[in-house]
Amino acid sequence: MEGYVSPLSFSNLFYILRKATSGAEAIAALRKLKLLMRVLSVDEQTIDLALASSFSDFEDAIQYYSALANDVDVLITRNKEDYKTAKIPVLTAEECIQVYLSTQS
C-alpha cells in the first residue's frame, strides 16, 4: 500500500500542529510524514477543474482532482459526503483499514 497526499495536507497539518507545538516540532512531524507519504502535484489544470466543479468545499475539490490526475485508486477522507459523485472509491480511514486487513487474511 502506498500513501499519497496533496500539498494542501502539509499546509493544513502545519497550521494545526503549529497551534499545539513549536514551529520546529511541527516541521519535524511533517518530515516524518513525508517519509511515509508521496506528495502529489497540483497544477493549473487541477485548479481549473476544482474551480469549475460542483464541490461545496474548494479544498476537497483540489484533493479530488489531484487524486484523479495522479491515478490514485482510493481517496481517504473524514467527510465522504463531499465526494458523492466521485469516480473513484472514497473511504473513511476506518473503512480503509478494514479493507486492508480483509485482504491480508
C-alpha atoms as a PDB file:
ATOM      1  CA  MET A   1       0.000   0.000   0.000  1.00  0.00           C
ATOM      2  CA  GLU A   2       1.291   3.419  -0.940  1.00  0.00           C
ATOM      3  CA  GLY A   3       0.006   6.636   0.563  1.00  0.00           C
ATOM      4  CA  TYR A   4      -0.320   9.929  -1.262  1.00  0.00           C
ATOM      5  CA  VAL A   5      -1.279  13.401  -0.118  1.00  0.00           C
ATOM      6  CA  SER A   6      -1.670  16.707  -1.866  1.00  0.00           C
ATOM      7  CA  PRO A   7       0.428  19.686  -0.773  1.00  0.00           C
ATOM      8  CA  LEU A   8      -2.702  21.018   0.927  1.00  0.00           C
ATOM      9  CA  SER A   9      -2.394  18.301   3.549  1.00  0.00           C
ATOM     10  CA  PHE A  10       1.039  19.574   4.565  1.00  0.00           C
ATOM     11  CA  SER A  11      -0.045  23.193   4.858  1.00  0.00           C
ATOM     12  CA  ASN A  12      -3.188  22.231   6.797  1.00  0.00           C
ATOM     13  CA  LEU A  13      -1.258  19.966   9.147  1.00  0.00           C
ATOM     14  CA  PHE A  14       1.391  22.617   9.746  1.00  0.00           C
ATOM     15  CA  TYR A  15      -1.324  25.094  10.667  1.00  0.00           C
ATOM     16  CA  ILE A  16      -2.891  22.634  13.138  1.00  0.00           C
ATOM     17  CA  LEU A  17       0.402  21.401  14.609  1.00  0.00           C
ATOM     18  CA  ARG A  18       1.788  24.915  14.967  1.00  0.00           C
ATOM     19  CA  LYS A  19      -1.108  25.795  17.269  1.00  0.00           C
ATOM     20  CA  ALA A  20      -0.223  22.899  19.598  1.00  0.00           C
ATOM     21  CA  THR A  21       3.584  22.834  19.318  1.00  0.00           C
ATOM     22  CA  SER A  22       6.533  24.933  18.235  1.00  0.00           C
ATOM     23  CA  GLY A  23       7.278  25.591  14.602  1.00  0.00           C
ATOM     24  CA  ALA A  24      10.324  23.316  14.801  1.00  0.00           C
ATOM     25  CA  GLU A  25       8.244  20.454  16.225  1.00  0.00           C
ATOM     26  CA  ALA A  26       5.605  20.920  13.542  1.00  0.00           C
ATOM     27  CA  ILE A  27       8.260  20.763  10.814  1.00  0.00           C
ATOM     28  CA  ALA A  28       9.808  17.657  12.424  1.00  0.00           C
ATOM     29  CA  ALA A  29       6.413  15.931  12.391  1.00  0.00           C
ATOM     30  CA  LEU A  30       5.867  16.858   8.742  1.00  0.00           C
ATOM     31  CA  ARG A  31       9.305  15.491   7.836  1.00  0.00           C
ATOM     32  CA  LYS A  32       8.274  12.166   9.374  1.00  0.00           C
ATOM     33  CA  LEU A  33       5.016  12.215   7.420  1.00  0.00           C
ATOM     34  CA  LYS A  34       6.973  12.927   4.230  1.00  0.00           C
ATOM     35  CA  LEU A  35       8.910   9.683   4.787  1.00  0.00           C
ATOM     36  CA  LEU A  36       5.623   7.752   4.712  1.00  0.00           C
ATOM     37  CA  MET A  37       3.679   9.575   2.021  1.00  0.00           C
ATOM     38  CA  ARG A  38       4.313  10.722  -1.519  1.00  0.00           C
ATOM     39  CA  VAL A  39       3.243  14.257  -2.347  1.00  0.00           C
ATOM     40  CA  LEU A  40       1.077  14.647  -5.438  1.00  0.00           C
ATOM     41  CA  SER A  41       1.385  17.621  -7.707  1.00  0.00           C
ATOM     42  CA  VAL A  42      -1.289  20.256  -8.020  1.00  0.00           C
ATOM     43  CA  ASP A  43      -1.089  22.098 -11.311  1.00  0.00           C
ATOM     44  CA  GLU A  44      -3.096  24.658 -13.225  1.00  0.00           C
ATOM     45  CA  GLN A  45      -5.416  22.029 -14.699  1.00  0.00           C
ATOM     46  CA  THR A  46      -6.178  20.672 -11.217  1.00  0.00           C
ATOM     47  CA  ILE A  47      -7.116  24.161 -10.038  1.00  0.00           C
ATOM     48  CA  ASP A  48      -9.205  24.815 -13.166  1.00  0.00           C
ATOM     49  CA  LEU A  49     -11.150  21.587 -12.608  1.00  0.00           C
ATOM     50  CA  ALA A  50     -11.661  22.414  -8.931  1.00  0.00           C
ATOM     51  CA  LEU A  51     -12.889  25.915  -9.783  1.00  0.00           C
ATOM     52  CA  ALA A  52     -15.357  24.549 -12.330  1.00  0.00           C
ATOM     53  CA  SER A  53     -16.589  21.729 -10.099  1.00  0.00           C
ATOM     54  CA  SER A  54     -19.772  21.482  -8.094  1.00  0.00           C
ATOM     55  CA  PHE A  55     -17.902  20.702  -4.858  1.00  0.00           C
ATOM     56  CA  SER A  56     -19.157  22.797  -1.968  1.00  0.00           C
ATOM     57  CA  ASP A  57     -15.680  22.677  -0.390  1.00  0.00           C
ATOM     58  CA  PHE A  58     -12.947  24.030  -2.688  1.00  0.00           C
ATOM     59  CA  GLU A  59     -10.201  22.230  -0.768  1.00  0.00           C
ATOM     60  CA  ASP A  60     -11.989  18.893  -1.262  1.00  0.00           C
ATOM     61  CA  ALA A  61     -12.196  19.642  -4.985  1.00  0.00           C
ATOM     62  CA  ILE A  62      -8.443  20.197  -5.155  1.00  0.00           C
ATOM     63  CA  GLN A  63      -7.796  16.969  -3.240  1.00  0.00           C
ATOM     64  CA  TYR A  64     -10.146  15.047  -5.530  1.00  0.00           C
ATOM     65  CA  TYR A  65      -8.811  16.335  -8.844  1.00  0.00           C
ATOM     66  CA  SER A  66      -5.250  15.899  -7.658  1.00  0.00           C
ATOM     67  CA  ALA A  67      -6.044  12.257  -6.867  1.00  0.00           C
ATOM     68  CA  LEU A  68      -7.688  11.745 -10.264  1.00  0.00           C
ATOM     69  CA  ALA A  69      -4.807  13.347 -12.163  1.00  0.00           C
ATOM     70  CA  ASN A  70      -2.355  11.030 -10.437  1.00  0.00           C
ATOM     71  CA  ASP A  71      -4.374   7.809 -10.872  1.00  0.00           C
ATOM     72  CA  VAL A  72      -4.920   7.286  -7.150  1.00  0.00           C
ATOM     73  CA  ASP A  73      -7.034   4.167  -6.550  1.00  0.00           C
ATOM     74  CA  VAL A  74      -8.897   5.259  -3.405  1.00  0.00           C
ATOM     75  CA  LEU A  75      -9.467   8.581  -1.704  1.00  0.00           C
ATOM     76  CA  ILE A  76      -9.496   8.544   2.096  1.00  0.00           C
ATOM     77  CA  THR A  77     -11.317  11.288   3.958  1.00  0.00           C
ATOM     78  CA  ARG A  78     -13.220  12.053   7.134  1.00  0.00           C
ATOM     79  CA  ASN A  79     -16.006  13.582   5.063  1.00  0.00           C
ATOM     80  CA  LYS A  80     -17.317  11.162   2.455  1.00  0.00           C
ATOM     81  CA  GLU A  81     -20.436  13.275   1.944  1.00  0.00           C
ATOM     82  CA  ASP A  82     -18.437  15.820  -0.059  1.00  0.00           C
ATOM     83  CA  TYR A  83     -17.463  13.163  -2.612  1.00  0.00           C
ATOM     84  CA  LYS A  84     -20.887  11.776  -3.598  1.00  0.00           C
ATOM     85  CA  THR A  85     -20.166  11.941  -7.332  1.00  0.00           C
ATOM     86  CA  ALA A  86     -16.576  10.682  -7.136  1.00  0.00           C
ATOM     87  CA  LYS A  87     -15.319   8.465  -9.936  1.00  0.00           C
ATOM     88  CA  ILE A  88     -13.001   6.599  -7.560  1.00  0.00           C
ATOM     89  CA  PRO A  89     -13.864   4.848  -4.302  1.00  0.00           C
ATOM     90  CA  VAL A  90     -13.978   7.130  -1.271  1.00  0.00           C
ATOM     91  CA  LEU A  91     -13.424   5.586   2.154  1.00  0.00           C
ATOM     92  CA  THR A  92     -13.006   6.739   5.715  1.00  0.00           C
ATOM     93  CA  ALA A  93      -9.734   5.807   7.409  1.00  0.00           C
ATOM     94  CA  GLU A  94     -11.582   3.125   9.374  1.00  0.00           C
ATOM     95  CA  GLU A  95     -13.044   1.622   6.200  1.00  0.00           C
ATOM     96  CA  CYS A  96      -9.622   1.645   4.553  1.00  0.00           C
ATOM     97  CA  ILE A  97      -8.098  -0.265   7.464  1.00  0.00           C
ATOM     98  CA  GLN A  98     -10.937  -2.817   7.341  1.00  0.00           C
ATOM     99  CA  VAL A  99     -10.430  -3.333   3.601  1.00  0.00           C
ATOM    100  CA  TYR A 100      -6.681  -3.664   4.037  1.00  0.00           C
ATOM    101  CA  LEU A 101      -6.995  -6.142   6.905  1.00  0.00           C
ATOM    102  CA  SER A 102      -9.521  -8.237   4.981  1.00  0.00           C
ATOM    103  CA  THR A 103      -7.053  -8.590   2.091  1.00  0.00           C
ATOM    104  CA  GLN A 104      -4.278  -9.753   4.431  1.00  0.00           C
ATOM    105  CA  SER A 105      -6.062 -12.866   5.699  1.00  0.00           C
END
